[in-house]
PDB file of N, CA and C in Angstrom:
ATOM      1  N   UNK A   1     -38.428  10.401   6.988  1.00  0.00           N
ATOM      2  CA  UNK A   1     -39.018  11.524   7.696  1.00  0.00           C
ATOM      3  C   UNK A   1     -40.351  11.133   8.344  1.00  0.00           C
ATOM      4  N   UNK A   2     -41.050  10.118   7.773  1.00  0.00           N
ATOM      5  CA  UNK A   2     -42.337   9.742   8.345  1.00  0.00           C
ATOM      6  C   UNK A   2     -42.195   9.219   9.770  1.00  0.00           C
ATOM      7  N   UNK A   3     -41.061   8.552  10.083  1.00  0.00           N
ATOM      8  CA  UNK A   3     -40.859   8.078  11.454  1.00  0.00           C
ATOM      9  C   UNK A   3     -40.711   9.245  12.424  1.00  0.00           C
ATOM     10  N   UNK A   4     -40.173  10.361  11.943  1.00  0.00           N
ATOM     11  CA  UNK A   4     -40.056  11.560  12.783  1.00  0.00           C
ATOM     12  C   UNK A   4     -41.446  12.094  13.104  1.00  0.00           C
ATOM     13  N   UNK A   5     -42.288  12.206  12.073  1.00  0.00           N
ATOM     14  CA  UNK A   5     -43.639  12.716  12.315  1.00  0.00           C
ATOM     15  C   UNK A   5     -44.464  11.752  13.157  1.00  0.00           C
ATOM     16  N   UNK A   6     -44.268  10.451  12.977  1.00  0.00           N
ATOM     17  CA  UNK A   6     -44.949   9.468  13.832  1.00  0.00           C
ATOM     18  C   UNK A   6     -44.517   9.654  15.286  1.00  0.00           C
ATOM     19  N   UNK A   7     -43.226   9.869  15.495  1.00  0.00           N
ATOM     20  CA  UNK A   7     -42.708  10.068  16.855  1.00  0.00           C
ATOM     21  C   UNK A   7     -43.272  11.341  17.477  1.00  0.00           C
ATOM     22  N   UNK A   8     -43.397  12.387  16.676  1.00  0.00           N
ATOM     23  CA  UNK A   8     -43.900  13.665  17.176  1.00  0.00           C
ATOM     24  C   UNK A   8     -45.409  13.656  17.415  1.00  0.00           C
ATOM     25  N   UNK A   9     -46.095  12.642  16.911  1.00  0.00           N
ATOM     26  CA  UNK A   9     -47.553  12.592  17.014  1.00  0.00           C
ATOM     27  C   UNK A   9     -48.054  12.323  18.428  1.00  0.00           C
ATOM     28  N   UNK A  10     -47.224  11.754  19.277  1.00  0.00           N
ATOM     29  CA  UNK A  10     -47.684  11.383  20.618  1.00  0.00           C
ATOM     30  C   UNK A  10     -47.326  12.473  21.633  1.00  0.00           C
ATOM     31  N   UNK A  11     -48.288  12.879  22.469  1.00  0.00           N
ATOM     32  CA  UNK A  11     -48.026  13.964  23.432  1.00  0.00           C
ATOM     33  C   UNK A  11     -46.932  13.644  24.452  1.00  0.00           C
ATOM     34  N   UNK A  12     -46.797  12.400  24.861  1.00  0.00           N
ATOM     35  CA  UNK A  12     -45.745  12.047  25.821  1.00  0.00           C
ATOM     36  C   UNK A  12     -44.368  12.244  25.186  1.00  0.00           C
ATOM     37  N   UNK A  13     -44.230  11.849  23.928  1.00  0.00           N
ATOM     38  CA  UNK A  13     -42.943  12.023  23.253  1.00  0.00           C
ATOM     39  C   UNK A  13     -42.626  13.494  23.047  1.00  0.00           C
ATOM     40  N   UNK A  14     -43.653  14.297  22.758  1.00  0.00           N
ATOM     41  CA  UNK A  14     -43.421  15.743  22.636  1.00  0.00           C
ATOM     42  C   UNK A  14     -42.994  16.330  23.976  1.00  0.00           C
ATOM     43  N   UNK A  15     -43.569  15.831  25.061  1.00  0.00           N
ATOM     44  CA  UNK A  15     -43.180  16.307  26.394  1.00  0.00           C
ATOM     45  C   UNK A  15     -41.728  15.938  26.692  1.00  0.00           C
ATOM     46  N   UNK A  16     -41.317  14.731  26.329  1.00  0.00           N
ATOM     47  CA  UNK A  16     -39.929  14.306  26.522  1.00  0.00           C
ATOM     48  C   UNK A  16     -38.994  15.244  25.767  1.00  0.00           C
ATOM     49  N   UNK A  17     -39.318  15.537  24.517  1.00  0.00           N
ATOM     50  CA  UNK A  17     -38.479  16.429  23.710  1.00  0.00           C
ATOM     51  C   UNK A  17     -38.424  17.822  24.309  1.00  0.00           C
ATOM     52  N   UNK A  18     -39.542  18.291  24.815  1.00  0.00           N
ATOM     53  CA  UNK A  18     -39.580  19.618  25.440  1.00  0.00           C
ATOM     54  C   UNK A  18     -38.671  19.659  26.667  1.00  0.00           C
ATOM     55  N   UNK A  19     -38.690  18.608  27.458  1.00  0.00           N
ATOM     56  CA  UNK A  19     -37.815  18.535  28.632  1.00  0.00           C
ATOM     57  C   UNK A  19     -36.341  18.481  28.216  1.00  0.00           C
ATOM     58  N   UNK A  20     -36.066  17.732  27.161  1.00  0.00           N
ATOM     59  CA  UNK A  20     -34.672  17.601  26.699  1.00  0.00           C
ATOM     60  C   UNK A  20     -34.171  18.871  26.022  1.00  0.00           C
ATOM     61  N   UNK A  21     -35.083  19.724  25.611  1.00  0.00           N
ATOM     62  CA  UNK A  21     -34.675  20.998  25.013  1.00  0.00           C
ATOM     63  C   UNK A  21     -33.904  21.839  26.028  1.00  0.00           C
ATOM     64  N   UNK A  22     -34.261  21.718  27.290  1.00  0.00           N
ATOM     65  CA  UNK A  22     -33.590  22.476  28.358  1.00  0.00           C
ATOM     66  C   UNK A  22     -32.186  21.949  28.636  1.00  0.00           C
ATOM     67  N   UNK A  23     -32.090  20.587  28.696  1.00  0.00           N
ATOM     68  CA  UNK A  23     -30.794  19.961  28.991  1.00  0.00           C
ATOM     69  C   UNK A  23     -30.906  18.464  28.802  1.00  0.00           C
ATOM     70  N   UNK A  24     -29.757  17.807  28.659  1.00  0.00           N
ATOM     71  CA  UNK A  24     -29.726  16.344  28.601  1.00  0.00           C
ATOM     72  C   UNK A  24     -30.161  15.801  29.958  1.00  0.00           C
ATOM     73  N   UNK A  25     -30.858  14.676  29.938  1.00  0.00           N
ATOM     74  CA  UNK A  25     -31.363  14.096  31.183  1.00  0.00           C
ATOM     75  C   UNK A  25     -31.260  12.583  31.135  1.00  0.00           C
ATOM     76  N   UNK A  26     -31.157  11.985  32.308  1.00  0.00           N
ATOM     77  CA  UNK A  26     -31.157  10.531  32.400  1.00  0.00           C
ATOM     78  C   UNK A  26     -32.582  10.014  32.272  1.00  0.00           C
ATOM     79  N   UNK A  27     -32.682   8.740  31.980  1.00  0.00           N
ATOM     80  CA  UNK A  27     -34.002   8.112  31.890  1.00  0.00           C
ATOM     81  C   UNK A  27     -34.744   8.265  33.215  1.00  0.00           C
ATOM     82  N   UNK A  28     -34.041   8.131  34.322  1.00  0.00           N
ATOM     83  CA  UNK A  28     -34.659   8.273  35.643  1.00  0.00           C
ATOM     84  C   UNK A  28     -35.183   9.672  35.891  1.00  0.00           C
ATOM     85  N   UNK A  29     -34.415  10.687  35.487  1.00  0.00           N
ATOM     86  CA  UNK A  29     -34.871  12.076  35.648  1.00  0.00           C
ATOM     87  C   UNK A  29     -36.140  12.324  34.834  1.00  0.00           C
ATOM     88  N   UNK A  30     -36.145  11.810  33.615  1.00  0.00           N
ATOM     89  CA  UNK A  30     -37.327  11.979  32.767  1.00  0.00           C
ATOM     90  C   UNK A  30     -38.524  11.242  33.355  1.00  0.00           C
ATOM     91  N   UNK A  31     -38.291  10.046  33.881  1.00  0.00           N
ATOM     92  CA  UNK A  31     -39.374   9.264  34.484  1.00  0.00           C
ATOM     93  C   UNK A  31     -39.987   9.998  35.674  1.00  0.00           C
ATOM     94  N   UNK A  32     -39.149  10.717  36.424  1.00  0.00           N
ATOM     95  CA  UNK A  32     -39.655  11.483  37.571  1.00  0.00           C
ATOM     96  C   UNK A  32     -40.576  12.619  37.138  1.00  0.00           C
ATOM     97  N   UNK A  33     -40.390  13.118  35.927  1.00  0.00           N
ATOM     98  CA  UNK A  33     -41.156  14.265  35.455  1.00  0.00           C
ATOM     99  C   UNK A  33     -42.387  13.871  34.633  1.00  0.00           C
ATOM    100  N   UNK A  34     -42.443  12.595  34.233  1.00  0.00           N
ATOM    101  CA  UNK A  34     -43.555  12.118  33.411  1.00  0.00           C
ATOM    102  C   UNK A  34     -44.216  10.962  34.142  1.00  0.00           C
ATOM    103  N   UNK A  35     -45.478  11.113  34.454  1.00  0.00           N
ATOM    104  CA  UNK A  35     -46.184  10.148  35.292  1.00  0.00           C
ATOM    105  C   UNK A  35     -46.792   9.011  34.464  1.00  0.00           C
ATOM    106  N   UNK A  36     -45.911   8.132  33.950  1.00  0.00           N
ATOM    107  CA  UNK A  36     -46.363   6.928  33.257  1.00  0.00           C
ATOM    108  C   UNK A  36     -45.440   5.784  33.682  1.00  0.00           C
ATOM    109  N   UNK A  37     -45.890   4.543  33.533  1.00  0.00           N
ATOM    110  CA  UNK A  37     -45.041   3.402  33.923  1.00  0.00           C
ATOM    111  C   UNK A  37     -43.721   3.379  33.137  1.00  0.00           C
ATOM    112  N   UNK A  38     -42.651   2.974  33.811  1.00  0.00           N
ATOM    113  CA  UNK A  38     -41.327   2.961  33.177  1.00  0.00           C
ATOM    114  C   UNK A  38     -41.262   2.113  31.903  1.00  0.00           C
ATOM    115  N   UNK A  39     -41.904   0.944  31.855  1.00  0.00           N
ATOM    116  CA  UNK A  39     -41.865   0.186  30.592  1.00  0.00           C
ATOM    117  C   UNK A  39     -42.498   0.958  29.426  1.00  0.00           C
ATOM    118  N   UNK A  40     -43.569   1.691  29.711  1.00  0.00           N
ATOM    119  CA  UNK A  40     -44.213   2.502  28.677  1.00  0.00           C
ATOM    120  C   UNK A  40     -43.283   3.627  28.242  1.00  0.00           C
ATOM    121  N   UNK A  41     -42.607   4.235  29.206  1.00  0.00           N
ATOM    122  CA  UNK A  41     -41.651   5.303  28.912  1.00  0.00           C
ATOM    123  C   UNK A  41     -40.499   4.772  28.066  1.00  0.00           C
ATOM    124  N   UNK A  42     -40.047   3.580  28.358  1.00  0.00           N
ATOM    125  CA  UNK A  42     -38.979   2.963  27.568  1.00  0.00           C
ATOM    126  C   UNK A  42     -39.398   2.798  26.111  1.00  0.00           C
ATOM    127  N   UNK A  43     -40.652   2.450  25.906  1.00  0.00           N
ATOM    128  CA  UNK A  43     -41.170   2.330  24.538  1.00  0.00           C
ATOM    129  C   UNK A  43     -41.131   3.672  23.810  1.00  0.00           C
ATOM    130  N   UNK A  44     -41.462   4.735  24.527  1.00  0.00           N
ATOM    131  CA  UNK A  44     -41.403   6.073  23.923  1.00  0.00           C
ATOM    132  C   UNK A  44     -39.953   6.454  23.589  1.00  0.00           C
ATOM    133  N   UNK A  45     -39.026   6.119  24.491  1.00  0.00           N
ATOM    134  CA  UNK A  45     -37.614   6.384  24.214  1.00  0.00           C
ATOM    135  C   UNK A  45     -37.172   5.647  22.942  1.00  0.00           C
ATOM    136  N   UNK A  46     -37.626   4.416  22.786  1.00  0.00           N
ATOM    137  CA  UNK A  46     -37.241   3.616  21.619  1.00  0.00           C
ATOM    138  C   UNK A  46     -37.742   4.258  20.324  1.00  0.00           C
ATOM    139  N   UNK A  47     -38.961   4.774  20.340  1.00  0.00           N
ATOM    140  CA  UNK A  47     -39.523   5.425  19.148  1.00  0.00           C
ATOM    141  C   UNK A  47     -38.731   6.698  18.831  1.00  0.00           C
ATOM    142  N   UNK A  48     -38.432   7.492  19.852  1.00  0.00           N
ATOM    143  CA  UNK A  48     -37.672   8.725  19.643  1.00  0.00           C
ATOM    144  C   UNK A  48     -36.262   8.433  19.131  1.00  0.00           C
ATOM    145  N   UNK A  49     -35.658   7.396  19.660  1.00  0.00           N
ATOM    146  CA  UNK A  49     -34.314   7.024  19.226  1.00  0.00           C
ATOM    147  C   UNK A  49     -34.334   6.493  17.790  1.00  0.00           C
ATOM    148  N   UNK A  50     -35.330   5.683  17.449  1.00  0.00           N
ATOM    149  CA  UNK A  50     -35.443   5.150  16.090  1.00  0.00           C
ATOM    150  C   UNK A  50     -35.644   6.265  15.072  1.00  0.00           C
ATOM    151  N   UNK A  51     -36.328   7.338  15.474  1.00  0.00           N
ATOM    152  CA  UNK A  51     -36.554   8.486  14.599  1.00  0.00           C
ATOM    153  C   UNK A  51     -35.357   9.428  14.614  1.00  0.00           C
ATOM    154  N   UNK A  52     -34.349   9.107  15.401  1.00  0.00           N
ATOM    155  CA  UNK A  52     -33.128   9.912  15.543  1.00  0.00           C
ATOM    156  C   UNK A  52     -33.395  11.286  16.149  1.00  0.00           C
ATOM    157  N   UNK A  53     -34.501  11.404  16.875  1.00  0.00           N
ATOM    158  CA  UNK A  53     -34.804  12.663  17.551  1.00  0.00           C
ATOM    159  C   UNK A  53     -34.019  12.812  18.847  1.00  0.00           C
ATOM    160  N   UNK A  54     -33.579  11.693  19.399  1.00  0.00           N
ATOM    161  CA  UNK A  54     -32.735  11.729  20.593  1.00  0.00           C
ATOM    162  C   UNK A  54     -31.515  10.845  20.377  1.00  0.00           C
ATOM    163  N   UNK A  55     -30.455  11.244  21.024  1.00  0.00           N
ATOM    164  CA  UNK A  55     -29.258  10.425  21.063  1.00  0.00           C
ATOM    165  C   UNK A  55     -29.038   9.993  22.499  1.00  0.00           C
ATOM    166  N   UNK A  56     -28.284   8.936  22.677  1.00  0.00           N
ATOM    167  CA  UNK A  56     -28.034   8.446  24.030  1.00  0.00           C
ATOM    168  C   UNK A  56     -26.544   8.325  24.281  1.00  0.00           C
ATOM    169  N   UNK A  57     -26.218   8.413  25.542  1.00  0.00           N
ATOM    170  CA  UNK A  57     -24.844   8.236  26.000  1.00  0.00           C
ATOM    171  C   UNK A  57     -24.910   7.449  27.299  1.00  0.00           C
ATOM    172  N   UNK A  58     -24.139   6.402  27.379  1.00  0.00           N
ATOM    173  CA  UNK A  58     -24.131   5.588  28.591  1.00  0.00           C
ATOM    174  C   UNK A  58     -23.046   6.112  29.535  1.00  0.00           C
ATOM    175  N   UNK A  59     -23.439   6.345  30.774  1.00  0.00           N
ATOM    176  CA  UNK A  59     -22.507   6.743  31.834  1.00  0.00           C
ATOM    177  C   UNK A  59     -22.659   5.711  32.952  1.00  0.00           C
ATOM    178  N   UNK A  60     -21.827   4.683  32.893  1.00  0.00           N
ATOM    179  CA  UNK A  60     -21.966   3.568  33.832  1.00  0.00           C
ATOM    180  C   UNK A  60     -23.246   2.819  33.527  1.00  0.00           C
ATOM    181  N   UNK A  61     -24.144   2.765  34.514  1.00  0.00           N
ATOM    182  CA  UNK A  61     -25.422   2.088  34.303  1.00  0.00           C
ATOM    183  C   UNK A  61     -26.539   3.057  33.911  1.00  0.00           C
ATOM    184  N   UNK A  62     -26.197   4.324  33.789  1.00  0.00           N
ATOM    185  CA  UNK A  62     -27.181   5.361  33.478  1.00  0.00           C
ATOM    186  C   UNK A  62     -27.149   5.704  31.989  1.00  0.00           C
ATOM    187  N   UNK A  63     -28.323   5.865  31.411  1.00  0.00           N
ATOM    188  CA  UNK A  63     -28.415   6.306  30.022  1.00  0.00           C
ATOM    189  C   UNK A  63     -28.862   7.765  30.021  1.00  0.00           C
ATOM    190  N   UNK A  64     -28.074   8.601  29.359  1.00  0.00           N
ATOM    191  CA  UNK A  64     -28.375  10.024  29.243  1.00  0.00           C
ATOM    192  C   UNK A  64     -28.971  10.264  27.858  1.00  0.00           C
ATOM    193  N   UNK A  65     -30.102  10.952  27.807  1.00  0.00           N
ATOM    194  CA  UNK A  65     -30.767  11.284  26.550  1.00  0.00           C
ATOM    195  C   UNK A  65     -30.512  12.739  26.203  1.00  0.00           C
ATOM    196  N   UNK A  66     -30.222  12.985  24.918  1.00  0.00           N
ATOM    197  CA  UNK A  66     -29.993  14.336  24.408  1.00  0.00           C
ATOM    198  C   UNK A  66     -30.878  14.567  23.190  1.00  0.00           C
ATOM    199  N   UNK A  67     -31.389  15.762  23.064  1.00  0.00           N
ATOM    200  CA  UNK A  67     -32.197  16.139  21.914  1.00  0.00           C
ATOM    201  C   UNK A  67     -31.308  16.308  20.687  1.00  0.00           C
ATOM    202  N   UNK A  68     -31.717  15.728  19.572  1.00  0.00           N
ATOM    203  CA  UNK A  68     -31.000  15.886  18.304  1.00  0.00           C
ATOM    204  C   UNK A  68     -31.708  17.005  17.540  1.00  0.00           C
ATOM    205  N   UNK A  69     -31.242  18.235  17.729  1.00  0.00           N
ATOM    206  CA  UNK A  69     -31.898  19.399  17.135  1.00  0.00           C
ATOM    207  C   UNK A  69     -31.887  19.372  15.617  1.00  0.00           C
ATOM    208  N   UNK A  70     -30.858  18.812  14.997  1.00  0.00           N
ATOM    209  CA  UNK A  70     -30.788  18.848  13.534  1.00  0.00           C
ATOM    210  C   UNK A  70     -31.962  18.096  12.907  1.00  0.00           C
ATOM    211  N   UNK A  71     -32.353  16.977  13.484  1.00  0.00           N
ATOM    212  CA  UNK A  71     -33.493  16.224  12.957  1.00  0.00           C
ATOM    213  C   UNK A  71     -34.786  17.000  13.189  1.00  0.00           C
ATOM    214  N   UNK A  72     -34.904  17.614  14.347  1.00  0.00           N
ATOM    215  CA  UNK A  72     -36.089  18.413  14.650  1.00  0.00           C
ATOM    216  C   UNK A  72     -36.176  19.612  13.697  1.00  0.00           C
ATOM    217  N   UNK A  73     -35.045  20.225  13.395  1.00  0.00           N
ATOM    218  CA  UNK A  73     -35.020  21.353  12.461  1.00  0.00           C
ATOM    219  C   UNK A  73     -35.422  20.909  11.050  1.00  0.00           C
ATOM    220  N   UNK A  74     -34.981  19.729  10.629  1.00  0.00           N
ATOM    221  CA  UNK A  74     -35.376  19.196   9.317  1.00  0.00           C
ATOM    222  C   UNK A  74     -36.884  18.982   9.249  1.00  0.00           C
ATOM    223  N   UNK A  75     -37.453  18.443  10.318  1.00  0.00           N
ATOM    224  CA  UNK A  75     -38.899  18.209  10.359  1.00  0.00           C
ATOM    225  C   UNK A  75     -39.649  19.534  10.297  1.00  0.00           C
ATOM    226  N   UNK A  76     -39.159  20.533  11.014  1.00  0.00           N
ATOM    227  CA  UNK A  76     -39.790  21.853  10.992  1.00  0.00           C
ATOM    228  C   UNK A  76     -39.713  22.463   9.590  1.00  0.00           C
ATOM    229  N   UNK A  77     -38.560  22.326   8.937  1.00  0.00           N
ATOM    230  CA  UNK A  77     -38.410  22.848   7.575  1.00  0.00           C
ATOM    231  C   UNK A  77     -39.381  22.150   6.627  1.00  0.00           C
ATOM    232  N   UNK A  78     -39.562  20.840   6.790  1.00  0.00           N
ATOM    233  CA  UNK A  78     -40.501  20.111   5.948  1.00  0.00           C
ATOM    234  C   UNK A  78     -41.923  20.609   6.174  1.00  0.00           C
ATOM    235  N   UNK A  79     -42.279  20.855   7.426  1.00  0.00           N
ATOM    236  CA  UNK A  79     -43.614  21.366   7.733  1.00  0.00           C
ATOM    237  C   UNK A  79     -43.821  22.758   7.118  1.00  0.00           C
ATOM    238  N   UNK A  80     -42.805  23.598   7.189  1.00  0.00           N
ATOM    239  CA  UNK A  80     -42.913  24.932   6.600  1.00  0.00           C
ATOM    240  C   UNK A  80     -43.057  24.848   5.086  1.00  0.00           C
ATOM    241  N   UNK A  81     -42.347  23.907   4.460  1.00  0.00           N
ATOM    242  CA  UNK A  81     -42.480  23.693   3.020  1.00  0.00           C
ATOM    243  C   UNK A  81     -43.900  23.265   2.665  1.00  0.00           C
ATOM    244  N   UNK A  82     -44.431  22.328   3.434  1.00  0.00           N
ATOM    245  CA  UNK A  82     -45.784  21.836   3.183  1.00  0.00           C
ATOM    246  C   UNK A  82     -46.796  22.976   3.316  1.00  0.00           C
ATOM    247  N   UNK A  83     -46.596  23.807   4.319  1.00  0.00           N
ATOM    248  CA  UNK A  83     -47.511  24.919   4.566  1.00  0.00           C
ATOM    249  C   UNK A  83     -47.269  26.083   3.607  1.00  0.00           C
ATOM    250  N   UNK A  84     -46.193  26.003   2.825  1.00  0.00           N
ATOM    251  CA  UNK A  84     -45.870  27.079   1.893  1.00  0.00           C
ATOM    252  C   UNK A  84     -45.325  28.310   2.579  1.00  0.00           C
ATOM    253  N   UNK A  85     -44.756  28.130   3.768  1.00  0.00           N
ATOM    254  CA  UNK A  85     -44.265  29.267   4.543  1.00  0.00           C
ATOM    255  C   UNK A  85     -42.741  29.395   4.545  1.00  0.00           C
ATOM    256  N   UNK A  86     -42.045  28.413   4.057  1.00  0.00           N
ATOM    257  CA  UNK A  86     -40.580  28.452   4.109  1.00  0.00           C
ATOM    258  C   UNK A  86     -40.076  29.540   3.175  1.00  0.00           C
ATOM    259  N   UNK A  87     -39.291  30.425   3.731  1.00  0.00           N
ATOM    260  CA  UNK A  87     -38.702  31.498   2.941  1.00  0.00           C
ATOM    261  C   UNK A  87     -39.645  32.670   2.728  1.00  0.00           C
ATOM    262  N   UNK A  88     -40.873  32.552   3.225  1.00  0.00           N
ATOM    263  CA  UNK A  88     -41.821  33.653   3.080  1.00  0.00           C
ATOM    264  C   UNK A  88     -41.539  34.721   4.133  1.00  0.00           C
ATOM    265  N   UNK A  89     -41.807  35.936   3.776  1.00  0.00           N
ATOM    266  CA  UNK A  89     -41.678  37.044   4.722  1.00  0.00           C
ATOM    267  C   UNK A  89     -42.897  37.039   5.626  1.00  0.00           C
ATOM    268  N   UNK A  90     -42.777  37.597   6.827  1.00  0.00           N
ATOM    269  CA  UNK A  90     -43.939  37.621   7.734  1.00  0.00           C
ATOM    270  C   UNK A  90     -45.151  38.206   7.028  1.00  0.00           C
ATOM    271  N   UNK A  91     -46.279  37.530   7.157  1.00  0.00           N
ATOM    272  CA  UNK A  91     -47.515  37.976   6.534  1.00  0.00           C
ATOM    273  C   UNK A  91     -47.729  37.456   5.125  1.00  0.00           C
ATOM    274  N   UNK A  92     -46.676  36.898   4.503  1.00  0.00           N
ATOM    275  CA  UNK A  92     -46.782  36.325   3.159  1.00  0.00           C
ATOM    276  C   UNK A  92     -47.085  34.850   3.244  1.00  0.00           C
ATOM    277  N   UNK A  93     -47.629  34.315   2.183  1.00  0.00           N
ATOM    278  CA  UNK A  93     -47.850  32.866   2.072  1.00  0.00           C
ATOM    279  C   UNK A  93     -47.373  32.410   0.735  1.00  0.00           C
TER     280      UNK A  93
END
């Protein structure tokens, strides 16, 4: 789980995940929306993939990235547990 939190720690990776929340996108589409050099973006993709936050599918020479919601949901549940909010009613701690 620590690799998930490490991946979520960087704002560029959070932006990638936010974009993928809307729909699956190719590396090129994501690069068009994030103004950083492609090699740097590739490094971010590698971290997200290693944390299993994204999955990939090859379509010819194009790589399509998809958000892995189950891993993101697990991380959120862990955060709620840490904060003592999991299972609490609104306003309770």
